[in-house]
Amino acid sequence: MQVSVVKESNTNGLGSKINDVLNTYSNKVIDIKISGAYDGNNEIFIAVIMFEN
């Protein structure tokens, strides 16, 4: 399995980075996990994208 992680401070940027990763790798996507957090001042979003080898 191959894994790529992207991090962004807004959802629009996260979507763009996810699309960049999906366009870069031609492998079949197994799963995408997305998580976000807000600390009262800042938001952060992370996506973990898993591909077949």
PDB file of N, CA and C in Angstrom:
ATOM      1  N   MET A   1       0.837  -1.171   0.000  1.00  0.00           N
ATOM      2  CA  MET A   1       0.000   0.000   0.000  1.00  0.00           C
ATOM      3  C   MET A   1       0.884   1.238   0.000  1.00  0.00           C
ATOM      4  N   GLN A   2       0.450   2.243  -0.725  1.00  0.00           N
ATOM      5  CA  GLN A   2       1.137   3.524  -0.811  1.00  0.00           C
ATOM      6  C   GLN A   2       0.235   4.556  -0.140  1.00  0.00           C
ATOM      7  N   VAL A   3       0.828   5.493   0.635  1.00  0.00           N
ATOM      8  CA  VAL A   3       0.043   6.483   1.369  1.00  0.00           C
ATOM      9  C   VAL A   3       0.554   7.882   1.054  1.00  0.00           C
ATOM     10  N   SER A   4      -0.382   8.806   0.887  1.00  0.00           N
ATOM     11  CA  SER A   4      -0.047  10.216   0.715  1.00  0.00           C
ATOM     12  C   SER A   4      -0.859  11.015   1.730  1.00  0.00           C
ATOM     13  N   VAL A   5      -0.227  11.988   2.375  1.00  0.00           N
ATOM     14  CA  VAL A   5      -0.899  12.826   3.369  1.00  0.00           C
ATOM     15  C   VAL A   5      -0.839  14.273   2.899  1.00  0.00           C
ATOM     16  N   VAL A   6      -1.983  14.954   2.942  1.00  0.00           N
ATOM     17  CA  VAL A   6      -2.028  16.379   2.601  1.00  0.00           C
ATOM     18  C   VAL A   6      -2.614  17.152   3.776  1.00  0.00           C
ATOM     19  N   LYS A   7      -2.138  18.371   3.958  1.00  0.00           N
ATOM     20  CA  LYS A   7      -2.549  19.212   5.078  1.00  0.00           C
ATOM     21  C   LYS A   7      -2.860  20.601   4.550  1.00  0.00           C
ATOM     22  N   GLU A   8      -3.936  21.202   5.064  1.00  0.00           N
ATOM     23  CA  GLU A   8      -4.336  22.529   4.591  1.00  0.00           C
ATOM     24  C   GLU A   8      -5.128  23.243   5.683  1.00  0.00           C
ATOM     25  N   SER A   9      -5.178  24.567   5.579  1.00  0.00           N
ATOM     26  CA  SER A   9      -5.882  25.352   6.585  1.00  0.00           C
ATOM     27  C   SER A   9      -7.306  25.729   6.169  1.00  0.00           C
ATOM     28  N   ASN A  10      -7.761  25.279   5.000  1.00  0.00           N
ATOM     29  CA  ASN A  10      -9.160  25.497   4.608  1.00  0.00           C
ATOM     30  C   ASN A  10      -9.614  24.361   3.702  1.00  0.00           C
ATOM     31  N   THR A  11     -10.922  24.176   3.610  1.00  0.00           N
ATOM     32  CA  THR A  11     -11.445  23.029   2.860  1.00  0.00           C
ATOM     33  C   THR A  11     -11.234  23.166   1.359  1.00  0.00           C
ATOM     34  N   ASN A  12     -11.288  24.389   0.835  1.00  0.00           N
ATOM     35  CA  ASN A  12     -11.048  24.568  -0.608  1.00  0.00           C
ATOM     36  C   ASN A  12      -9.633  24.161  -0.971  1.00  0.00           C
ATOM     37  N   GLY A  13      -8.679  24.568  -0.167  1.00  0.00           N
ATOM     38  CA  GLY A  13      -7.285  24.194  -0.405  1.00  0.00           C
ATOM     39  C   GLY A  13      -7.072  22.702  -0.272  1.00  0.00           C
ATOM     40  N   LEU A  14      -7.761  22.090   0.701  1.00  0.00           N
ATOM     41  CA  LEU A  14      -7.636  20.644   0.896  1.00  0.00           C
ATOM     42  C   LEU A  14      -8.152  19.897  -0.327  1.00  0.00           C
ATOM     43  N   GLY A  15      -9.311  20.319  -0.838  1.00  0.00           N
ATOM     44  CA  GLY A  15      -9.856  19.675  -2.032  1.00  0.00           C
ATOM     45  C   GLY A  15      -8.922  19.784  -3.216  1.00  0.00           C
ATOM     46  N   SER A  16      -8.307  20.933  -3.370  1.00  0.00           N
ATOM     47  CA  SER A  16      -7.355  21.136  -4.466  1.00  0.00           C
ATOM     48  C   SER A  16      -6.140  20.231  -4.319  1.00  0.00           C
ATOM     49  N   LYS A  17      -5.613  20.133  -3.100  1.00  0.00           N
ATOM     50  CA  LYS A  17      -4.441  19.272  -2.871  1.00  0.00           C
ATOM     51  C   LYS A  17      -4.786  17.798  -3.062  1.00  0.00           C
ATOM     52  N   ILE A  18      -5.982  17.392  -2.633  1.00  0.00           N
ATOM     53  CA  ILE A  18      -6.409  16.002  -2.840  1.00  0.00           C
ATOM     54  C   ILE A  18      -6.478  15.710  -4.336  1.00  0.00           C
ATOM     55  N   ASN A  19      -7.063  16.620  -5.105  1.00  0.00           N
ATOM     56  CA  ASN A  19      -7.143  16.429  -6.560  1.00  0.00           C
ATOM     57  C   ASN A  19      -5.762  16.355  -7.193  1.00  0.00           C
ATOM     58  N   ASP A  20      -4.826  17.168  -6.710  1.00  0.00           N
ATOM     59  CA  ASP A  20      -3.451  17.109  -7.227  1.00  0.00           C
ATOM     60  C   ASP A  20      -2.843  15.735  -6.995  1.00  0.00           C
ATOM     61  N   VAL A  21      -3.032  15.187  -5.796  1.00  0.00           N
ATOM     62  CA  VAL A  21      -2.491  13.861  -5.480  1.00  0.00           C
ATOM     63  C   VAL A  21      -3.154  12.804  -6.352  1.00  0.00           C
ATOM     64  N   LEU A  22      -4.479  12.866  -6.491  1.00  0.00           N
ATOM     65  CA  LEU A  22      -5.191  11.874  -7.303  1.00  0.00           C
ATOM     66  C   LEU A  22      -4.764  11.935  -8.762  1.00  0.00           C
ATOM     67  N   ASN A  23      -4.457  13.119  -9.256  1.00  0.00           N
ATOM     68  CA  ASN A  23      -3.997  13.255 -10.640  1.00  0.00           C
ATOM     69  C   ASN A  23      -2.552  12.808 -10.818  1.00  0.00           C
ATOM     70  N   THR A  24      -1.759  12.844  -9.755  1.00  0.00           N
ATOM     71  CA  THR A  24      -0.351  12.460  -9.817  1.00  0.00           C
ATOM     72  C   THR A  24      -0.177  10.943  -9.852  1.00  0.00           C
ATOM     73  N   TYR A  25      -0.974  10.227  -9.063  1.00  0.00           N
ATOM     74  CA  TYR A  25      -0.842   8.773  -8.973  1.00  0.00           C
ATOM     75  C   TYR A  25      -1.903   8.101  -9.827  1.00  0.00           C
ATOM     76  N   SER A  26      -1.492   7.114 -10.589  1.00  0.00           N
ATOM     77  CA  SER A  26      -2.445   6.384 -11.427  1.00  0.00           C
ATOM     78  C   SER A  26      -2.945   5.114 -10.747  1.00  0.00           C
ATOM     79  N   ASN A  27      -2.460   4.858  -9.543  1.00  0.00           N
ATOM     80  CA  ASN A  27      -2.868   3.654  -8.805  1.00  0.00           C
ATOM     81  C   ASN A  27      -4.322   3.777  -8.356  1.00  0.00           C
ATOM     82  N   LYS A  28      -4.939   2.629  -8.120  1.00  0.00           N
ATOM     83  CA  LYS A  28      -6.314   2.606  -7.638  1.00  0.00           C
ATOM     84  C   LYS A  28      -6.367   3.092  -6.188  1.00  0.00           C
ATOM     85  N   VAL A  29      -7.287   4.018  -5.906  1.00  0.00           N
ATOM     86  CA  VAL A  29      -7.467   4.527  -4.546  1.00  0.00           C
ATOM     87  C   VAL A  29      -8.193   3.476  -3.721  1.00  0.00           C
ATOM     88  N   ILE A  30      -7.636   3.150  -2.558  1.00  0.00           N
ATOM     89  CA  ILE A  30      -8.270   2.208  -1.639  1.00  0.00           C
ATOM     90  C   ILE A  30      -9.232   2.947  -0.719  1.00  0.00           C
ATOM     91  N   ASP A  31      -8.764   4.073  -0.149  1.00  0.00           N
ATOM     92  CA  ASP A  31      -9.580   4.811   0.813  1.00  0.00           C
ATOM     93  C   ASP A  31      -9.015   6.211   1.009  1.00  0.00           C
ATOM     94  N   ILE A  32      -9.879   7.126   1.415  1.00  0.00           N
ATOM     95  CA  ILE A  32      -9.464   8.477   1.785  1.00  0.00           C
ATOM     96  C   ILE A  32     -10.078   8.781   3.150  1.00  0.00           C
ATOM     97  N   LYS A  33      -9.261   9.183   4.096  1.00  0.00           N
ATOM     98  CA  LYS A  33      -9.717   9.580   5.429  1.00  0.00           C
ATOM     99  C   LYS A  33      -9.434  11.066   5.597  1.00  0.00           C
ATOM    100  N   ILE A  34     -10.438  11.816   6.024  1.00  0.00           N
ATOM    101  CA  ILE A  34     -10.292  13.257   6.209  1.00  0.00           C
ATOM    102  C   ILE A  34     -10.662  13.615   7.640  1.00  0.00           C
ATOM    103  N   SER A  35      -9.857  14.483   8.235  1.00  0.00           N
ATOM    104  CA  SER A  35     -10.109  14.935   9.597  1.00  0.00           C
ATOM    105  C   SER A  35      -9.826  16.420   9.687  1.00  0.00           C
ATOM    106  N   GLY A  36     -10.530  17.098  10.575  1.00  0.00           N
ATOM    107  CA  GLY A  36     -10.302  18.524  10.776  1.00  0.00           C
ATOM    108  C   GLY A  36     -10.375  18.869  12.250  1.00  0.00           C
ATOM    109  N   ALA A  37      -9.765  19.982  12.598  1.00  0.00           N
ATOM    110  CA  ALA A  37      -9.778  20.437  13.985  1.00  0.00           C
ATOM    111  C   ALA A  37      -9.799  21.960  14.014  1.00  0.00           C
ATOM    112  N   TYR A  38     -10.359  22.490  15.091  1.00  0.00           N
ATOM    113  CA  TYR A  38     -10.413  23.934  15.297  1.00  0.00           C
ATOM    114  C   TYR A  38     -10.023  24.199  16.748  1.00  0.00           C
ATOM    115  N   ASP A  39      -9.027  25.064  16.957  1.00  0.00           N
ATOM    116  CA  ASP A  39      -8.539  25.325  18.321  1.00  0.00           C
ATOM    117  C   ASP A  39      -9.047  26.638  18.906  1.00  0.00           C
ATOM    118  N   GLY A  40     -10.067  27.214  18.294  1.00  0.00           N
ATOM    119  CA  GLY A  40     -10.583  28.492  18.753  1.00  0.00           C
ATOM    120  C   GLY A  40     -10.076  29.650  17.915  1.00  0.00           C
ATOM    121  N   ASN A  41      -8.952  29.453  17.239  1.00  0.00           N
ATOM    122  CA  ASN A  41      -8.378  30.480  16.375  1.00  0.00           C
ATOM    123  C   ASN A  41      -8.107  29.982  14.969  1.00  0.00           C
ATOM    124  N   ASN A  42      -7.653  28.759  14.848  1.00  0.00           N
ATOM    125  CA  ASN A  42      -7.204  28.219  13.557  1.00  0.00           C
ATOM    126  C   ASN A  42      -7.880  26.897  13.246  1.00  0.00           C
ATOM    127  N   GLU A  43      -8.125  26.688  11.951  1.00  0.00           N
ATOM    128  CA  GLU A  43      -8.619  25.402  11.475  1.00  0.00           C
ATOM    129  C   GLU A  43      -7.473  24.680  10.788  1.00  0.00           C
ATOM    130  N   ILE A  44      -7.481  23.362  10.854  1.00  0.00           N
ATOM    131  CA  ILE A  44      -6.507  22.557  10.117  1.00  0.00           C
ATOM    132  C   ILE A  44      -7.221  21.296   9.635  1.00  0.00           C
ATOM    133  N   PHE A  45      -6.964  20.935   8.399  1.00  0.00           N
ATOM    134  CA  PHE A  45      -7.559  19.742   7.806  1.00  0.00           C
ATOM    135  C   PHE A  45      -6.450  18.859   7.262  1.00  0.00           C
ATOM    136  N   ILE A  46      -6.630  17.557   7.448  1.00  0.00           N
ATOM    137  CA  ILE A  46      -5.655  16.573   6.969  1.00  0.00           C
ATOM    138  C   ILE A  46      -6.409  15.470   6.236  1.00  0.00           C
ATOM    139  N   ALA A  47      -5.853  15.053   5.108  1.00  0.00           N
ATOM    140  CA  ALA A  47      -6.399  13.918   4.369  1.00  0.00           C
ATOM    141  C   ALA A  47      -5.302  12.877   4.191  1.00  0.00           C
ATOM    142  N   VAL A  48      -5.661  11.629   4.459  1.00  0.00           N
ATOM    143  CA  VAL A  48      -4.763  10.503   4.227  1.00  0.00           C
ATOM    144  C   VAL A  48      -5.354   9.699   3.071  1.00  0.00           C
ATOM    145  N   ILE A  49      -4.595   9.565   2.003  1.00  0.00           N
ATOM    146  CA  ILE A  49      -5.061   8.885   0.804  1.00  0.00           C
ATOM    147  C   ILE A  49      -4.243   7.616   0.630  1.00  0.00           C
ATOM    148  N   MET A  50      -4.945   6.471   0.563  1.00  0.00           N
ATOM    149  CA  MET A  50      -4.280   5.172   0.442  1.00  0.00           C
ATOM    150  C   MET A  50      -4.501   4.601  -0.951  1.00  0.00           C
ATOM    151  N   PHE A  51      -3.401   4.161  -1.568  1.00  0.00           N
ATOM    152  CA  PHE A  51      -3.423   3.605  -2.924  1.00  0.00           C
ATOM    153  C   PHE A  51      -2.912   2.169  -2.916  1.00  0.00           C
ATOM    154  N   GLU A  52      -3.331   1.403  -3.928  1.00  0.00           N
ATOM    155  CA  GLU A  52      -2.729   0.086  -4.155  1.00  0.00           C
ATOM    156  C   GLU A  52      -1.328   0.283  -4.710  1.00  0.00           C
ATOM    157  N   ASN A  53      -0.451  -0.665  -4.459  1.00  0.00           N
ATOM    158  CA  ASN A  53       0.910  -0.627  -5.056  1.00  0.00           C
ATOM    159  C   ASN A  53       0.875  -1.041  -6.490  1.00  0.00           C
TER     160      ASN A  53
END
